[in-house]
Amino acid sequence: MTTARPDLVPVPYRVVGRTEETPDTAEIVLEPVASALPPFGPGQFAMVYAFGVGDIPLSLSAIDGQRLTHTVRAVGAVSQALHGLRLGETAGVRGPLGTGWELPTEAGRDLLIVAGGLGLAPLRPLVRDVLAAPQRFGRLNILIGARTPGDLVCAHDIDVWQEAGACIQVTVDRPDGTWQGDVGVVTALLDRADFDPDNATAFVCGPEVMIRATARELAHRGLNPDRIRISLERTMHCGTGHCGHCQLGPLLLCVDGPVVTWSRSEPLLAVREL
């Protein structure tokens, strides 16, 4: 008789909170029905199972003790089922999986966080950790890009972070009649970011084309590629490195990532562009 691997068996979690972020995006808060999974770190992900439908990899958008928060956009069968969960219903969760953001240990280092679209959600636990110990770091710049003002996630958090001292800039691709902020791609905001390239670490998450453009621009401005950390979570599928869907050269991103340095991933992404 074969015994199932513990990391492949979903643990039941109950929905204890649900907030509509946008018309197709919801924040789902889960807590264990019985035993909890081991602690997650910022940047890691879980495989979240909608019973009877399937599972998908989802990064954590907040970590509060045993409670796990995921920001889910309804774009496929599984994500639609998870997006539709209501209070008291259950999902299966396994993890923690993958690599995390890994804040620098050097005191006083400037931090630059660049998010595109839903990419702000996986960066939120990182921002909260930074603001919980502001004396450890230098300047905190957060640059956010969204398709439209209505697609902006974590809007309440943005106000809180700004009040806590973070320098935040937001841009949208398509403004509406009420938008009074910047319009254009998020890389255009780098001109106004206040950081020292010789003493900074960057964290980038969003669509792959945005990640590539941002990382290349940061490297061009003198930031060491070893200190540019990106998340390639959008390519993941099984979460265990078995299906090969997320393979990038020698890397299996659900095992070796999703967070990797630009120095490690840039030559591999360049080959994929050819």
Protein backbone atom coordinates (compact mmCIF):
# COMPACT_ATOMS: atom_id res chain seq x y z
CA MET A 1 0.00 0.00 0.00
CA THR A 2 1.38 3.38 -1.06
CA THR A 3 1.27 6.24 1.44
CA ALA A 4 0.51 9.68 0.01
CA ARG A 5 3.18 12.35 0.43
CA PRO A 6 2.04 14.88 3.06
CA ASP A 7 2.95 17.86 0.83
CA LEU A 8 0.60 16.53 -1.87
CA VAL A 9 -2.44 16.17 0.39
CA PRO A 10 -4.63 19.30 0.66
CA VAL A 11 -5.44 20.46 4.20
CA PRO A 12 -8.97 21.83 4.66
CA TYR A 13 -9.22 25.58 5.29
CA ARG A 14 -12.42 27.52 5.88
CA VAL A 15 -13.28 30.92 4.41
CA VAL A 16 -13.53 33.38 7.31
CA GLY A 17 -13.29 36.61 5.34
CA ARG A 18 -14.06 37.82 1.84
CA THR A 19 -13.62 41.29 0.33
CA GLU A 20 -14.38 42.37 -3.23
CA GLU A 21 -11.30 44.18 -4.56
CA THR A 22 -12.54 44.74 -8.12
CA PRO A 23 -15.49 43.31 -10.10
CA ASP A 24 -13.48 40.16 -10.92
CA THR A 25 -11.04 40.06 -7.98
CA ALA A 26 -11.66 39.09 -4.36
CA GLU A 27 -9.53 38.78 -1.24
CA ILE A 28 -10.20 35.43 0.46
CA VAL A 29 -9.12 34.87 4.08
CA LEU A 30 -8.68 31.22 5.11
CA GLU A 31 -8.08 29.59 8.47
CA PRO A 32 -7.47 25.90 9.19
CA VAL A 33 -10.44 23.71 9.99
CA ALA A 34 -8.23 21.56 12.24
CA SER A 35 -4.43 21.41 11.96
CA ALA A 36 -2.57 24.26 10.23
CA LEU A 37 0.16 24.10 7.62
CA PRO A 38 3.70 25.22 8.55
CA PRO A 39 4.32 28.99 8.49
CA PHE A 40 4.53 30.73 5.11
CA GLY A 41 6.99 33.51 4.24
CA PRO A 42 6.41 36.56 1.99
CA GLY A 43 6.72 35.53 -1.66
CA GLN A 44 5.93 31.85 -1.11
CA PHE A 45 2.79 30.29 -2.52
CA ALA A 46 0.20 27.61 -1.79
CA MET A 47 -1.65 25.21 -4.03
CA VAL A 48 -5.31 26.02 -3.34
CA TYR A 49 -7.89 23.42 -4.27
CA ALA A 50 -11.52 24.14 -5.17
CA PHE A 51 -13.21 20.86 -4.34
CA GLY A 52 -14.51 19.11 -7.44
CA VAL A 53 -12.80 21.56 -9.80
CA GLY A 54 -9.02 21.53 -9.33
CA ASP A 55 -6.16 23.47 -7.79
CA ILE A 56 -3.96 26.41 -8.77
CA PRO A 57 -0.86 28.06 -7.31
CA LEU A 58 -1.65 31.26 -5.40
CA SER A 59 0.78 33.53 -3.61
CA LEU A 60 -0.05 34.83 -0.16
CA SER A 61 -1.26 38.44 -0.13
CA ALA A 62 -1.33 38.52 3.69
CA ILE A 63 -0.10 36.25 6.48
CA ASP A 64 -1.66 36.60 9.92
CA GLY A 65 -0.68 33.76 12.23
CA GLN A 66 -2.43 30.64 10.94
CA ARG A 67 -4.69 32.69 8.67
CA LEU A 68 -3.80 32.81 4.97
CA THR A 69 -5.05 35.50 2.60
CA HIS A 70 -5.15 35.08 -1.17
CA THR A 71 -6.14 37.65 -3.77
CA VAL A 72 -7.97 35.74 -6.51
CA ARG A 73 -8.88 37.01 -9.97
CA ALA A 74 -11.57 34.98 -11.76
CA VAL A 75 -9.93 34.08 -15.07
CA GLY A 76 -10.34 30.29 -15.33
CA ALA A 77 -12.44 27.43 -13.99
CA VAL A 78 -10.50 26.98 -10.73
CA SER A 79 -9.97 30.67 -10.01
CA GLN A 80 -13.64 31.35 -10.73
CA ALA A 81 -14.63 28.63 -8.24
CA LEU A 82 -12.28 30.02 -5.57
CA HIS A 83 -13.42 33.58 -6.29
CA GLY A 84 -16.98 32.42 -5.72
CA LEU A 85 -16.36 30.88 -2.27
CA ARG A 86 -18.48 32.37 0.49
CA LEU A 87 -18.02 32.59 4.27
CA GLY A 88 -18.01 29.17 5.91
CA GLU A 89 -17.18 27.23 2.74
CA THR A 90 -13.94 25.27 2.51
CA ALA A 91 -10.99 24.89 0.18
CA GLY A 92 -7.97 22.60 0.25
CA VAL A 93 -4.52 24.10 0.76
CA ARG A 94 -1.02 22.65 0.58
CA GLY A 95 2.27 24.38 1.18
CA PRO A 96 4.27 26.42 1.90
CA LEU A 97 5.93 26.09 -1.49
CA GLY A 98 8.65 27.90 -3.39
CA THR A 99 11.13 30.62 -2.55
CA GLY A 100 10.40 33.90 -0.76
CA TRP A 101 11.37 37.55 -1.20
CA GLU A 102 14.19 37.49 1.41
CA LEU A 103 14.64 40.99 2.78
CA PRO A 104 18.27 42.19 2.88
CA THR A 105 20.06 41.82 6.19
CA GLU A 106 22.21 44.95 5.77
CA ALA A 107 20.94 47.89 7.81
CA GLY A 108 19.91 51.05 5.99
CA ARG A 109 19.47 49.57 2.53
CA ASP A 110 16.97 51.39 0.27
CA LEU A 111 14.08 49.25 -0.94
CA LEU A 112 12.31 49.62 -4.27
CA ILE A 113 9.07 47.69 -4.80
CA VAL A 114 7.58 47.67 -8.31
CA ALA A 115 4.21 46.04 -8.96
CA GLY A 116 2.12 45.65 -12.08
CA GLY A 117 -1.57 44.72 -11.91
CA LEU A 118 -2.29 41.88 -9.50
CA GLY A 119 1.47 41.70 -8.77
CA LEU A 120 0.96 44.08 -5.85
CA ALA A 121 -0.84 41.34 -3.87
CA PRO A 122 2.20 38.98 -3.48
CA LEU A 123 4.31 41.99 -2.49
CA ARG A 124 1.95 43.11 0.28
CA PRO A 125 3.36 40.79 3.01
CA LEU A 126 6.83 42.11 2.17
CA VAL A 127 5.71 45.73 2.53
CA ARG A 128 4.09 44.96 5.87
CA ASP A 129 7.29 43.34 7.17
CA VAL A 130 9.32 46.38 6.10
CA LEU A 131 6.94 48.87 7.74
CA ALA A 132 6.93 46.79 10.92
CA ALA A 133 10.68 47.47 11.31
CA PRO A 134 11.35 50.79 9.49
CA GLN A 135 14.55 51.44 11.44
CA ARG A 136 16.21 48.51 9.65
CA PHE A 137 15.91 50.03 6.17
CA GLY A 138 16.50 53.21 4.23
CA ARG A 139 14.01 54.77 1.83
CA LEU A 140 10.99 52.71 0.77
CA ASN A 141 9.68 53.42 -2.72
CA ILE A 142 6.58 51.60 -3.98
CA LEU A 143 5.72 51.99 -7.66
CA ILE A 144 2.36 50.60 -8.79
CA GLY A 145 0.88 50.17 -12.26
CA ALA A 146 -2.69 49.14 -13.06
CA ARG A 147 -4.70 48.76 -16.24
CA THR A 148 -7.43 51.15 -15.07
CA PRO A 149 -8.24 52.89 -11.75
CA GLY A 150 -10.92 50.25 -11.18
CA ASP A 151 -8.34 47.46 -11.45
CA LEU A 152 -6.20 48.78 -8.60
CA VAL A 153 -5.93 46.24 -5.77
CA CYS A 154 -4.96 46.84 -2.12
CA ALA A 155 -6.27 50.42 -2.34
CA HIS A 156 -6.80 50.72 1.42
CA ASP A 157 -3.31 49.40 2.12
CA ILE A 158 -1.81 52.03 -0.17
CA ASP A 159 -3.23 54.82 1.99
CA VAL A 160 -1.97 53.13 5.17
CA TRP A 161 1.52 52.60 3.72
CA GLN A 162 1.75 56.21 2.64
CA GLU A 163 0.80 57.39 6.12
CA ALA A 164 3.51 55.10 7.51
CA GLY A 165 6.18 56.87 5.47
CA ALA A 166 6.45 54.92 2.20
CA CYS A 167 6.89 56.96 -0.97
CA ILE A 168 4.17 55.64 -3.28
CA GLN A 169 3.48 56.46 -6.91
CA VAL A 170 0.65 54.99 -8.97
CA THR A 171 0.05 55.02 -12.71
CA VAL A 172 -2.68 53.54 -14.92
CA ASP A 173 -2.79 52.59 -18.58
CA ARG A 174 -6.33 53.82 -19.22
CA PRO A 175 -7.64 56.60 -16.95
CA ASP A 176 -11.29 57.28 -16.32
CA GLY A 177 -12.99 60.64 -15.87
CA THR A 178 -12.04 60.88 -12.20
CA TRP A 179 -8.37 59.88 -12.41
CA GLN A 180 -5.94 62.71 -11.66
CA GLY A 181 -2.72 60.73 -11.32
CA ASP A 182 -0.06 59.49 -13.74
CA VAL A 183 -0.89 57.73 -16.99
CA GLY A 184 1.47 55.26 -18.65
CA VAL A 185 3.65 52.27 -17.88
CA VAL A 186 5.04 51.72 -14.40
CA THR A 187 8.67 51.93 -15.58
CA ALA A 188 8.12 55.64 -16.27
CA LEU A 189 7.83 56.17 -12.51
CA LEU A 190 11.44 55.08 -11.97
CA ASP A 191 12.60 58.59 -12.88
CA ARG A 192 11.05 59.93 -9.67
CA ALA A 193 12.01 57.07 -7.33
CA ASP A 194 14.47 58.16 -4.65
CA PHE A 195 17.02 55.38 -4.12
CA ASP A 196 20.77 54.82 -4.22
CA PRO A 197 21.58 52.12 -6.83
CA ASP A 198 24.74 51.22 -4.89
CA ASN A 199 22.75 50.60 -1.71
CA ALA A 200 19.36 49.30 -2.82
CA THR A 201 17.40 46.10 -3.35
CA ALA A 202 14.43 45.85 -5.73
CA PHE A 203 11.44 43.51 -5.69
CA VAL A 204 9.38 43.22 -8.88
CA CYS A 205 6.13 41.35 -9.58
CA GLY A 206 3.59 41.59 -12.38
CA PRO A 207 3.17 40.57 -16.02
CA GLU A 208 6.36 39.12 -17.46
CA VAL A 209 6.81 41.89 -20.05
CA MET A 210 6.62 44.47 -17.25
CA ILE A 211 9.08 42.50 -15.11
CA ARG A 212 11.62 42.32 -17.94
CA ALA A 213 11.33 46.03 -18.75
CA THR A 214 11.62 47.06 -15.11
CA ALA A 215 14.56 44.80 -14.29
CA ARG A 216 16.48 45.89 -17.39
CA GLU A 217 15.92 49.55 -16.59
CA LEU A 218 17.03 49.07 -12.99
CA ALA A 219 20.18 47.25 -14.12
CA HIS A 220 20.83 50.04 -16.64
CA ARG A 221 20.60 52.54 -13.76
CA GLY A 222 23.34 50.70 -11.89
CA LEU A 223 21.43 48.37 -9.59
CA ASN A 224 23.28 45.07 -9.17
CA PRO A 225 21.26 42.29 -10.92
CA ASP A 226 21.86 40.11 -7.84
CA ARG A 227 19.80 42.66 -5.88
CA ILE A 228 16.87 42.68 -8.29
CA ARG A 229 14.42 39.99 -7.21
CA ILE A 230 11.51 39.05 -9.45
CA SER A 231 8.58 36.67 -9.13
CA LEU A 232 7.69 34.49 -12.13
CA GLU A 233 4.74 32.84 -10.43
CA ARG A 234 2.40 33.24 -13.40
CA THR A 235 4.06 30.34 -15.21
CA MET A 236 3.52 27.80 -12.42
CA HIS A 237 1.02 24.95 -12.65
CA CYS A 238 1.48 21.85 -10.42
CA GLY A 239 3.52 23.35 -7.59
CA THR A 240 5.77 20.30 -7.25
CA GLY A 241 8.09 20.46 -10.27
CA HIS A 242 6.59 17.39 -11.94
CA CYS A 243 4.64 18.73 -14.93
CA GLY A 244 7.41 20.93 -16.39
CA HIS A 245 4.95 23.71 -17.25
CA CYS A 246 7.04 26.31 -15.41
CA GLN A 247 10.45 25.18 -16.67
CA LEU A 248 12.81 28.04 -17.49
CA GLY A 249 16.08 26.55 -18.72
CA PRO A 250 17.43 24.48 -15.81
CA LEU A 251 14.96 26.05 -13.36
CA LEU A 252 11.62 24.64 -12.30
CA LEU A 253 10.04 27.81 -10.99
CA CYS A 254 7.58 26.18 -8.59
CA VAL A 255 10.60 24.63 -6.83
CA ASP A 256 13.54 26.94 -7.65
CA GLY A 257 11.28 30.02 -7.63
CA PRO A 258 8.96 31.74 -8.04
CA VAL A 259 11.27 34.41 -6.61
CA VAL A 260 14.62 34.47 -8.41
CA THR A 261 17.30 37.09 -8.94
CA TRP A 262 17.52 38.97 -12.22
CA SER A 263 21.13 37.82 -12.62
CA ARG A 264 19.92 34.21 -12.64
CA SER A 265 16.79 34.65 -14.74
CA GLU A 266 17.74 37.32 -17.30
CA PRO A 267 19.77 35.09 -19.66
CA LEU A 268 17.08 32.40 -19.50
CA LEU A 269 14.27 34.87 -20.27
CA ALA A 270 16.35 36.34 -23.11
CA VAL A 271 16.51 32.89 -24.74
CA ARG A 272 12.72 32.52 -24.41
CA GLU A 273 12.25 35.85 -26.21
CA LEU A 274 14.12 34.63 -29.30
